[in-house]
Amino acid sequence: MVVAKDVSCLLHVTGRLKVSCVTSTNESVENIAESLFKPLFSRLQSGQLKYLIRTKDGHRLTLEKVFESSNTVDREYLNGLSSLQLNDLQVIEIDVVTVLLNKTVEKSPAESPPVYTAPVLTEKKNSPNSSHLKTEVPIDILRIASCSSVNEGLLDSLVKEHLEGLRQSAVQFTLNLGSQSSKSDQLILGNAFHFDLSNHKKTSKDVYFVTEFLPVCRSDSDLTDLREQLHEKYDIEKNRPVFRRQNAMRFSPLFKTQLIFDDSTTPAPPKSSSSMGGDTADFVCECVQGGYAYFHYLQDSVSDSGWGCAYRSLQTVWSWFLLQGYTHKPVITHREIQQTLHLIGDKPASFVGSSQWIGSFEVSYVLDHHLDVTCAFINVTSGDQLASHAPRIAAHFRTHGTPIMVGGGVLAHTICGICYEEESALESTVKYLILDPHYTGPEDLKNIRKKSVYAWKPQSFWKSDSFYNLCLPQRPNVF
């Protein structure tokens, strides 16, 4: 095998392995878990587990064809296998399947991404004193490895370690989270979740991600104690979600249509007037913290041109709370927004299904009703007055980090950042990073930048003869 020594792979091994066992009614939780996982360890030891590499065109290749051929496995070749990168490493998707009698048993379509669904444990009474348990054990492993070390032995060791972690976590979850009245053979199984901790300052710089097992059949509110333990384990402040299931690393797009904007795609901030050698201590620049999706006119077959800009801005704000792990609820639709406003008594029944506008106050009502998110407001009677609020807007991004919805006049926009010089006239130096929901073009970053619908705008962007209401969603103090 000839492999470039400096090439590293991010191995993502997934699958769902069927397993069953017979247990006695009075067995301990530990013994039941041992009986359930023992067949999987035996299958692994006897060589019945095989590994297939998933390519970006939907095919699956044997391990030998990719890593044990006489060809050089370089980065260009790996890029041809998968277009997905995380932490600047090429992700190699590997399916683990069971081979019986020299026939491969397919567990899932090659193109299907891993799904975090609860493993279902089926119990069938064989006799008054025994039960037959059946389930599918989820495999989800993420590991950085030198491409030169990828072979069946390495993957076998990773699967063995993973199965042991699943077995131990099943015992822990059942003992700690199970109902006192439940039977001992009702195991609470979990899934592996991978969390990127590279952006947390207290975490060692050489840690990119960690893997933890979480029970997916329990709500986030049931797992507060477990998340608190994880925050303490990794020395991370308990002031925002980090270890909720929604925070886990994703290997398939959360949004089918919308682009995700974050630090890597944010337009470069404007330079201060003193940036060419002068003192820049008075230059303030703050932006949204974390990723958010770009919702705009005509997306998802909704003909909202001319009236839906505030709806789209609300959807962008909602996407921020979804991507940061504050909610698992999908982004709300136009009709759901209208139904909510009618439900809470803000709008009449005729509003539902209409093409009527909404403003910043309606946005706050919807966020409060569905996400329990409160909002602060900045109200100005003229766009000229907005510059005087630049310090407060910057403080919002620094403290809460959420996108700001702006309503007023006949248009709505989203502010995603602000820059200004403290010692200069704010009107002349302030710049706003504007995400414009009125865009009707394709989901193409190059075209979006060409159209300047995601760009820094001067103070003159705001009209002097229009009023503006800024809705500033407050970050909940939860983890």
Protein backbone atom coordinates (compact mmCIF):
# COMPACT_ATOMS: atom_id res chain seq x y z
CA MET A 1 0.00 0.00 0.00
CA VAL A 2 1.43 3.37 -1.05
CA VAL A 3 -0.03 6.31 0.83
CA ALA A 4 1.09 9.89 1.23
CA LYS A 5 2.36 10.09 4.80
CA ASP A 6 1.14 13.66 5.39
CA VAL A 7 -2.48 12.95 4.42
CA SER A 8 -4.95 12.58 7.29
CA CYS A 9 -8.53 11.37 7.05
CA LEU A 10 -11.54 12.05 9.21
CA LEU A 11 -13.15 8.62 9.34
CA HIS A 12 -16.92 8.54 9.85
CA VAL A 13 -18.05 4.94 10.41
CA THR A 14 -21.81 4.41 10.59
CA GLY A 15 -24.33 1.59 10.47
CA ARG A 16 -27.17 -0.13 12.32
CA LEU A 17 -26.52 -3.71 13.43
CA LYS A 18 -29.44 -5.98 14.22
CA VAL A 19 -29.12 -8.00 17.41
CA SER A 20 -31.31 -10.11 19.68
CA CYS A 21 -30.97 -12.11 22.86
CA VAL A 22 -32.99 -14.07 25.42
CA THR A 23 -32.90 -12.85 29.02
CA SER A 24 -34.37 -13.97 32.29
CA THR A 25 -37.01 -11.75 33.87
CA ASN A 26 -35.05 -11.19 37.07
CA GLU A 27 -31.67 -10.51 35.48
CA SER A 28 -29.76 -7.36 36.43
CA VAL A 29 -29.44 -4.45 34.04
CA GLU A 30 -25.72 -5.20 33.68
CA ASN A 31 -26.36 -8.81 32.67
CA ILE A 32 -29.06 -7.84 30.19
CA ALA A 33 -26.71 -5.35 28.51
CA GLU A 34 -23.98 -7.99 28.44
CA SER A 35 -26.33 -10.49 26.79
CA LEU A 36 -27.52 -7.97 24.21
CA PHE A 37 -24.05 -6.82 23.11
CA LYS A 38 -22.26 -10.19 23.32
CA PRO A 39 -23.44 -11.32 19.83
CA LEU A 40 -22.03 -8.12 18.32
CA PHE A 41 -18.62 -8.65 19.88
CA SER A 42 -18.68 -12.25 18.62
CA ARG A 43 -19.63 -11.04 15.13
CA LEU A 44 -16.74 -8.59 15.21
CA GLN A 45 -14.23 -11.19 16.41
CA SER A 46 -15.26 -13.73 13.75
CA GLY A 47 -14.80 -11.24 10.91
CA GLN A 48 -18.47 -10.94 10.01
CA LEU A 49 -18.35 -7.13 10.02
CA LYS A 50 -17.16 -5.56 6.78
CA TYR A 51 -16.56 -1.96 5.76
CA LEU A 52 -17.69 -0.17 2.60
CA ILE A 53 -16.59 3.35 1.68
CA ARG A 54 -19.39 5.61 0.50
CA THR A 55 -18.53 7.85 -2.46
CA LYS A 56 -20.13 11.18 -3.27
CA ASP A 57 -21.76 9.72 -6.39
CA GLY A 58 -23.68 7.13 -4.34
CA HIS A 59 -21.45 4.09 -4.91
CA ARG A 60 -19.76 2.00 -2.24
CA LEU A 61 -16.23 0.67 -2.54
CA THR A 62 -14.48 -2.00 -0.54
CA LEU A 63 -11.79 -0.94 1.89
CA GLU A 64 -9.16 -2.74 -0.16
CA LYS A 65 -10.05 -0.86 -3.34
CA VAL A 66 -9.47 2.51 -1.72
CA PHE A 67 -6.69 2.02 0.80
CA GLU A 68 -4.94 -1.23 -0.11
CA SER A 69 -4.43 -0.76 -3.83
CA SER A 70 -1.11 -0.03 -5.43
CA ASN A 71 -2.23 3.51 -6.26
CA THR A 72 -1.10 6.49 -4.25
CA VAL A 73 -3.87 7.67 -1.96
CA ASP A 74 -3.37 11.43 -2.01
CA ARG A 75 -5.59 14.32 -1.05
CA GLU A 76 -6.85 14.79 -4.60
CA TYR A 77 -8.02 11.17 -4.68
CA LEU A 78 -9.74 11.57 -1.31
CA ASN A 79 -11.49 14.71 -2.56
CA GLY A 80 -12.92 12.58 -5.34
CA LEU A 81 -14.45 10.25 -2.77
CA SER A 82 -16.22 12.87 -0.68
CA SER A 83 -16.82 16.61 -1.03
CA LEU A 84 -17.42 17.01 2.72
CA GLN A 85 -14.74 18.59 4.90
CA LEU A 86 -14.71 19.26 8.64
CA ASN A 87 -11.91 21.02 10.48
CA ASP A 88 -9.96 21.12 7.18
CA LEU A 89 -9.92 17.32 7.05
CA GLN A 90 -11.45 15.22 4.32
CA VAL A 91 -14.35 13.12 5.65
CA ILE A 92 -14.35 9.48 4.53
CA GLU A 93 -17.81 7.97 5.02
CA ILE A 94 -17.65 4.24 5.85
CA ASP A 95 -20.65 1.92 6.23
CA VAL A 96 -20.27 -1.07 8.54
CA VAL A 97 -22.35 -4.07 7.45
CA THR A 98 -22.73 -7.70 8.46
CA VAL A 99 -21.55 -10.45 6.14
CA LEU A 100 -23.22 -13.88 6.51
CA LEU A 101 -22.40 -16.89 4.35
CA ASN A 102 -20.30 -14.68 2.05
CA LYS A 103 -23.33 -12.50 1.29
CA THR A 104 -23.41 -8.87 2.28
CA VAL A 105 -26.54 -7.87 4.15
CA GLU A 106 -27.27 -4.24 3.30
CA LYS A 107 -28.37 -2.26 6.31
CA SER A 108 -29.22 1.01 4.60
CA PRO A 109 -29.01 2.68 1.18
CA ALA A 110 -25.54 3.96 0.38
CA GLU A 111 -26.78 7.52 0.01
CA SER A 112 -28.65 7.61 3.33
CA PRO A 113 -26.93 9.76 5.99
CA PRO A 114 -26.91 8.60 9.61
CA VAL A 115 -30.14 9.45 11.39
CA TYR A 116 -30.29 10.08 15.13
CA THR A 117 -33.39 8.05 15.91
CA ALA A 118 -34.01 6.17 19.11
CA PRO A 119 -32.99 2.52 18.98
CA VAL A 120 -36.21 0.56 19.49
CA LEU A 121 -35.92 -2.32 21.92
CA THR A 122 -38.62 -4.91 21.22
CA GLU A 123 -39.55 -7.35 23.98
CA LYS A 124 -41.31 -10.65 23.32
CA LYS A 125 -42.21 -12.96 26.21
CA ASN A 126 -40.99 -16.50 25.56
CA SER A 127 -42.20 -17.74 28.92
CA PRO A 128 -43.21 -16.24 32.27
CA ASN A 129 -39.52 -16.19 33.25
CA SER A 130 -37.79 -15.09 30.04
CA SER A 131 -37.94 -12.42 27.32
CA HIS A 132 -36.66 -12.20 23.76
CA LEU A 133 -35.15 -8.76 23.11
CA LYS A 134 -34.54 -7.40 19.58
CA THR A 135 -33.09 -4.07 18.46
CA GLU A 136 -30.74 -2.30 16.04
CA VAL A 137 -27.56 -0.99 17.64
CA PRO A 138 -26.40 2.30 16.03
CA ILE A 139 -22.76 2.64 15.01
CA ASP A 140 -21.48 6.21 14.68
CA ILE A 141 -17.72 6.68 15.01
CA LEU A 142 -15.66 9.76 14.17
CA ARG A 143 -11.89 9.57 14.33
CA ILE A 144 -8.89 11.37 12.82
CA ALA A 145 -6.38 8.91 11.41
CA SER A 146 -3.45 8.84 9.07
CA CYS A 147 -4.62 7.46 5.75
CA SER A 148 -1.65 5.10 5.80
CA SER A 149 -3.08 3.39 8.90
CA VAL A 150 -6.60 2.76 7.59
CA ASN A 151 -7.25 -0.98 7.42
CA GLU A 152 -9.72 -3.54 8.68
CA GLY A 153 -7.82 -4.01 11.93
CA LEU A 154 -8.04 -0.30 12.79
CA LEU A 155 -11.76 -0.17 12.03
CA ASP A 156 -12.39 -3.35 14.03
CA SER A 157 -10.70 -1.78 17.05
CA LEU A 158 -12.75 1.41 16.66
CA VAL A 159 -16.02 -0.56 16.44
CA LYS A 160 -15.05 -2.65 19.48
CA GLU A 161 -14.37 0.49 21.51
CA HIS A 162 -17.64 2.01 20.31
CA LEU A 163 -19.71 -1.06 21.22
CA GLU A 164 -18.21 -1.10 24.68
CA GLY A 165 -19.13 2.56 25.11
CA LEU A 166 -22.69 1.86 24.01
CA ARG A 167 -22.96 -1.07 26.42
CA GLN A 168 -21.70 0.91 29.39
CA SER A 169 -23.88 3.93 28.56
CA ALA A 170 -26.98 1.70 28.27
CA VAL A 171 -26.40 0.47 31.80
CA GLN A 172 -25.79 4.01 33.07
CA PHE A 173 -28.86 5.46 31.34
CA THR A 174 -31.13 2.67 32.54
CA LEU A 175 -30.00 2.95 36.15
CA ASN A 176 -30.04 6.77 36.23
CA LEU A 177 -32.96 7.64 33.95
CA GLY A 178 -35.20 4.58 34.04
CA SER A 179 -38.50 4.64 35.90
CA GLN A 180 -38.52 2.97 39.30
CA SER A 181 -41.58 1.01 38.22
CA SER A 182 -40.10 -0.13 34.89
CA LYS A 183 -38.96 -3.68 34.39
CA SER A 184 -35.26 -4.40 34.60
CA ASP A 185 -35.16 -5.57 30.97
CA GLN A 186 -36.24 -2.17 29.60
CA LEU A 187 -32.78 -0.97 28.59
CA ILE A 188 -32.38 2.69 27.64
CA LEU A 189 -30.06 2.67 24.63
CA GLY A 190 -28.22 5.70 23.32
CA ASN A 191 -26.49 7.11 20.27
CA ALA A 192 -23.05 8.62 19.84
CA PHE A 193 -22.98 12.38 19.26
CA HIS A 194 -19.87 14.27 18.14
CA PHE A 195 -19.38 17.82 19.46
CA ASP A 196 -16.95 20.34 18.02
CA LEU A 197 -15.24 22.12 20.93
CA SER A 198 -12.59 23.95 18.94
CA ASN A 199 -14.24 27.36 19.48
CA HIS A 200 -14.32 27.14 23.26
CA LYS A 201 -11.43 29.09 24.73
CA LYS A 202 -10.97 26.94 27.81
CA THR A 203 -10.58 23.81 25.72
CA SER A 204 -7.11 22.67 24.71
CA LYS A 205 -6.28 23.87 21.21
CA ASP A 206 -5.48 20.38 19.95
CA VAL A 207 -9.00 19.10 20.72
CA TYR A 208 -11.25 19.34 17.66
CA PHE A 209 -14.21 17.27 18.76
CA VAL A 210 -15.35 14.85 21.43
CA THR A 211 -17.80 11.96 21.28
CA GLU A 212 -20.40 11.39 24.00
CA PHE A 213 -23.30 8.96 24.27
CA LEU A 214 -26.76 10.43 24.85
CA PRO A 215 -30.12 8.68 25.18
CA VAL A 216 -32.27 9.85 22.27
CA CYS A 217 -35.52 8.69 23.87
CA ARG A 218 -35.34 11.43 26.50
CA SER A 219 -36.09 15.13 26.08
CA ASP A 220 -33.49 17.86 26.55
CA SER A 221 -35.17 18.84 29.82
CA ASP A 222 -34.58 15.31 31.14
CA LEU A 223 -30.86 15.52 30.40
CA THR A 224 -29.97 18.74 32.20
CA ASP A 225 -27.91 16.93 34.86
CA LEU A 226 -26.05 14.94 32.22
CA ARG A 227 -25.22 18.08 30.22
CA GLU A 228 -24.06 19.82 33.40
CA GLN A 229 -21.62 16.96 33.98
CA LEU A 230 -20.29 17.32 30.43
CA HIS A 231 -19.80 21.09 30.85
CA GLU A 232 -17.81 20.41 34.02
CA LYS A 233 -15.88 17.54 32.40
CA TYR A 234 -14.62 19.78 29.58
CA ASP A 235 -14.46 22.99 31.66
CA ILE A 236 -16.98 24.91 29.55
CA GLU A 237 -19.16 27.68 30.95
CA LYS A 238 -22.83 26.81 31.47
CA ASN A 239 -24.21 29.84 29.67
CA ARG A 240 -25.19 28.39 26.27
CA PRO A 241 -25.98 25.04 24.66
CA VAL A 242 -22.94 22.96 23.76
CA PHE A 243 -23.96 19.35 24.42
CA ARG A 244 -27.55 19.29 23.24
CA ARG A 245 -28.24 16.83 20.45
CA GLN A 246 -28.89 19.77 18.13
CA ASN A 247 -25.30 20.94 18.76
CA ALA A 248 -23.82 17.74 17.36
CA MET A 249 -21.69 17.88 14.23
CA ARG A 250 -23.71 17.38 11.06
CA PHE A 251 -22.71 15.34 8.04
CA SER A 252 -25.67 16.31 5.86
CA PRO A 253 -27.25 19.75 5.32
CA LEU A 254 -29.81 20.87 7.89
CA PHE A 255 -31.46 23.05 5.23
CA LYS A 256 -32.19 21.73 1.74
CA THR A 257 -32.35 25.14 0.06
CA GLN A 258 -30.83 27.85 2.23
CA LEU A 259 -27.16 28.74 2.48
CA ILE A 260 -25.56 28.87 5.93
CA PHE A 261 -23.55 31.98 6.75
CA ASP A 262 -20.97 32.07 9.57
CA ASP A 263 -17.48 33.38 10.27
CA SER A 264 -16.11 31.63 7.18
CA THR A 265 -18.54 33.37 4.80
CA THR A 266 -19.02 36.76 6.47
CA PRO A 267 -17.83 39.63 4.23
CA ALA A 268 -14.60 41.18 5.46
CA PRO A 269 -15.35 44.09 7.81
CA PRO A 270 -14.57 47.61 6.66
CA LYS A 271 -11.19 49.04 7.62
CA SER A 272 -10.90 51.86 10.10
CA SER A 273 -9.58 55.22 8.91
CA SER A 274 -6.50 54.65 11.08
CA SER A 275 -5.87 51.07 9.96
CA MET A 276 -2.92 52.13 7.81
CA GLY A 277 -0.56 52.46 10.74
CA GLY A 278 -2.63 54.48 13.20
CA ASP A 279 -4.19 53.51 16.50
CA THR A 280 -7.18 51.19 16.00
CA ALA A 281 -8.06 50.87 19.69
CA ASP A 282 -11.22 52.91 19.16
CA PHE A 283 -12.41 50.77 16.23
CA VAL A 284 -15.40 48.63 17.24
CA CYS A 285 -16.60 45.72 15.13
CA GLU A 286 -19.11 43.10 16.34
CA CYS A 287 -21.05 40.44 14.42
CA VAL A 288 -23.53 37.62 14.95
CA GLN A 289 -22.02 34.74 16.94
CA GLY A 290 -22.51 31.44 15.13
CA GLY A 291 -24.20 30.36 11.93
CA TYR A 292 -27.57 31.36 10.46
CA ALA A 293 -29.45 30.48 7.28
CA TYR A 294 -30.24 32.95 4.51
CA PHE A 295 -34.00 33.07 3.93
CA HIS A 296 -35.24 35.35 1.14
CA TYR A 297 -38.06 35.92 -1.34
CA LEU A 298 -39.45 33.02 -3.42
CA GLN A 299 -37.65 30.22 -1.57
CA ASP A 300 -39.36 26.84 -1.12
CA SER A 301 -42.01 27.66 -3.74
CA VAL A 302 -43.53 30.48 -1.66
CA SER A 303 -44.49 33.49 -3.80
CA ASP A 304 -43.94 36.18 -1.18
CA SER A 305 -42.24 38.87 -3.26
CA GLY A 306 -43.47 42.28 -2.13
CA TRP A 307 -44.83 41.22 1.26
CA GLY A 308 -42.76 38.45 2.87
CA CYS A 309 -39.50 40.20 3.78
CA ALA A 310 -40.22 40.33 7.53
CA TYR A 311 -41.31 36.68 7.45
CA ARG A 312 -37.96 35.81 5.86
CA SER A 313 -36.02 37.84 8.40
CA LEU A 314 -37.87 36.01 11.18
CA GLN A 315 -36.94 32.69 9.57
CA THR A 316 -33.26 33.70 9.53
CA VAL A 317 -33.45 34.62 13.22
CA TRP A 318 -35.20 31.31 13.99
CA SER A 319 -32.47 29.41 12.10
CA TRP A 320 -29.87 30.94 14.43
CA PHE A 321 -31.61 29.47 17.49
CA LEU A 322 -31.89 26.13 15.70
CA LEU A 323 -28.25 26.02 14.63
CA GLN A 324 -27.00 27.03 18.11
CA GLY A 325 -28.98 24.23 19.77
CA TYR A 326 -31.60 26.31 21.58
CA THR A 327 -34.42 24.48 19.82
CA HIS A 328 -35.04 21.40 17.73
CA LYS A 329 -38.15 22.89 16.11
CA PRO A 330 -37.85 23.33 12.33
CA VAL A 331 -37.92 26.86 10.95
CA ILE A 332 -41.45 28.19 10.99
CA THR A 333 -43.37 28.70 7.72
CA HIS A 334 -45.30 31.76 6.56
CA ARG A 335 -48.64 30.11 7.26
CA GLU A 336 -47.51 28.95 10.71
CA ILE A 337 -46.43 32.51 11.51
CA GLN A 338 -49.87 33.78 10.53
CA GLN A 339 -51.65 31.03 12.46
CA THR A 340 -49.60 31.88 15.55
CA LEU A 341 -50.48 35.57 15.38
CA HIS A 342 -54.16 34.67 15.04
CA LEU A 343 -53.93 32.14 17.89
CA ILE A 344 -52.50 34.66 20.35
CA GLY A 345 -55.16 37.23 19.39
CA ASP A 346 -52.94 39.65 17.50
CA LYS A 347 -54.54 39.11 14.08
CA PRO A 348 -58.04 38.17 12.83
CA ALA A 349 -58.81 34.83 11.18
CA SER A 350 -58.73 36.48 7.75
CA PHE A 351 -55.01 37.12 8.24
CA VAL A 352 -54.21 33.39 7.88
CA GLY A 353 -53.38 32.61 4.26
CA SER A 354 -53.15 36.29 3.30
CA SER A 355 -50.28 38.31 1.82
CA GLN A 356 -50.27 40.90 4.59
CA TRP A 357 -47.08 42.29 6.06
CA ILE A 358 -45.79 41.79 9.57
CA GLY A 359 -43.35 43.93 11.54
CA SER A 360 -40.78 43.65 14.29
CA PHE A 361 -43.35 43.39 17.08
CA GLU A 362 -45.08 40.45 15.39
CA VAL A 363 -41.65 38.82 15.03
CA SER A 364 -41.14 39.11 18.78
CA TYR A 365 -44.58 37.63 19.51
CA VAL A 366 -43.79 34.54 17.42
CA LEU A 367 -40.34 34.03 18.97
CA ASP A 368 -41.79 34.36 22.47
CA HIS A 369 -44.68 31.98 21.78
CA HIS A 370 -42.69 29.19 20.14
CA LEU A 371 -39.12 29.49 21.44
CA ASP A 372 -39.64 31.31 24.75
CA VAL A 373 -37.29 34.02 23.47
CA THR A 374 -37.80 37.59 24.66
CA CYS A 375 -36.78 40.61 22.59
CA ALA A 376 -35.52 44.10 23.28
CA PHE A 377 -36.35 46.99 20.93
CA ILE A 378 -34.75 50.08 19.49
CA ASN A 379 -37.21 52.54 17.95
CA VAL A 380 -36.19 55.53 15.84
CA THR A 381 -38.42 57.97 13.95
CA SER A 382 -35.77 58.59 11.30
CA GLY A 383 -33.01 56.47 9.82
CA ASP A 384 -30.60 59.29 10.64
CA GLN A 385 -31.04 58.50 14.36
CA LEU A 386 -29.86 54.89 14.03
CA ALA A 387 -26.15 55.78 14.14
CA SER A 388 -26.50 57.05 17.71
CA HIS A 389 -27.54 53.52 18.74
CA ALA A 390 -24.40 51.90 17.28
CA PRO A 391 -22.85 51.22 20.73
CA ARG A 392 -26.02 49.47 21.90
CA ILE A 393 -26.19 47.37 18.73
CA ALA A 394 -22.54 46.38 19.16
CA ALA A 395 -23.19 45.46 22.79
CA HIS A 396 -26.07 43.26 21.66
CA PHE A 397 -23.85 41.29 19.28
CA ARG A 398 -21.13 41.02 21.91
CA THR A 399 -23.52 39.82 24.64
CA HIS A 400 -26.33 37.96 22.86
CA GLY A 401 -24.94 37.41 19.38
CA THR A 402 -28.31 37.00 17.63
CA PRO A 403 -29.31 38.53 14.27
CA ILE A 404 -31.36 41.73 14.55
CA MET A 405 -34.61 42.03 12.60
CA VAL A 406 -35.34 45.55 11.34
CA GLY A 407 -38.83 46.67 10.36
CA GLY A 408 -40.00 50.09 9.31
CA GLY A 409 -41.27 51.96 6.33
CA VAL A 410 -42.17 49.33 3.74
CA LEU A 411 -39.08 47.11 3.95
CA ALA A 412 -37.55 44.68 6.45
CA HIS A 413 -33.89 43.71 6.76
CA THR A 414 -31.59 41.75 9.05
CA ILE A 415 -28.55 43.33 10.70
CA CYS A 416 -25.77 40.77 11.22
CA GLY A 417 -22.91 43.05 12.27
CA ILE A 418 -21.80 46.61 12.97
CA CYS A 419 -18.49 48.51 12.83
CA TYR A 420 -17.68 52.10 13.83
CA GLU A 421 -15.00 54.32 15.32
CA GLU A 422 -15.72 55.55 18.83
CA GLU A 423 -13.70 58.75 18.62
CA SER A 424 -15.16 59.86 15.29
CA ALA A 425 -18.57 61.04 14.19
CA LEU A 426 -20.67 57.87 14.17
CA GLU A 427 -22.63 58.97 11.11
CA SER A 428 -19.48 59.02 9.00
CA THR A 429 -17.83 55.78 10.19
CA VAL A 430 -20.63 53.37 11.10
CA LYS A 431 -21.21 50.39 8.79
CA TYR A 432 -23.91 47.71 9.08
CA LEU A 433 -23.65 44.15 7.82
CA ILE A 434 -27.02 43.75 6.10
CA LEU A 435 -28.67 40.50 5.03
CA ASP A 436 -31.35 41.49 2.52
CA PRO A 437 -34.42 39.18 2.35
CA HIS A 438 -35.60 40.81 -0.91
CA TYR A 439 -33.13 38.80 -3.00
CA THR A 440 -34.78 36.56 -5.62
CA GLY A 441 -31.77 34.90 -7.25
CA PRO A 442 -30.19 31.45 -6.95
CA GLU A 443 -28.51 30.05 -3.84
CA ASP A 444 -25.07 31.01 -5.10
CA LEU A 445 -22.65 32.83 -2.81
CA LYS A 446 -20.81 34.47 -5.72
CA ASN A 447 -24.04 35.91 -7.11
CA ILE A 448 -25.22 36.97 -3.64
CA ARG A 449 -22.02 38.94 -3.13
CA LYS A 450 -22.28 40.41 -6.64
CA LYS A 451 -25.80 41.64 -5.87
CA SER A 452 -24.58 43.09 -2.52
CA VAL A 453 -27.51 41.57 -0.65
CA TYR A 454 -25.11 40.33 2.05
CA ALA A 455 -22.74 43.23 2.49
CA TRP A 456 -21.60 46.12 4.65
CA LYS A 457 -23.73 49.23 4.17
CA PRO A 458 -23.11 52.86 5.24
CA GLN A 459 -25.41 54.97 7.39
CA SER A 460 -27.02 56.35 4.23
CA PHE A 461 -28.59 52.91 3.65
CA TRP A 462 -31.31 53.93 6.12
CA LYS A 463 -33.81 56.48 4.84
CA SER A 464 -34.08 59.73 6.74
CA ASP A 465 -37.84 59.96 6.15
CA SER A 466 -38.65 56.43 7.45
CA PHE A 467 -39.09 55.10 10.97
CA TYR A 468 -37.41 51.85 12.04
CA ASN A 469 -38.10 49.33 14.78
CA LEU A 470 -35.22 47.02 15.64
CA CYS A 471 -36.06 43.67 17.23
CA LEU A 472 -33.12 42.34 19.26
CA PRO A 473 -33.72 38.70 20.32
CA GLN A 474 -32.17 37.94 23.71
CA ARG A 475 -30.06 34.80 24.13
CA PRO A 476 -31.71 32.53 26.77
CA ASN A 477 -29.50 31.71 29.73
CA VAL A 478 -29.65 27.93 29.29
CA PHE A 479 -27.24 25.15 28.43
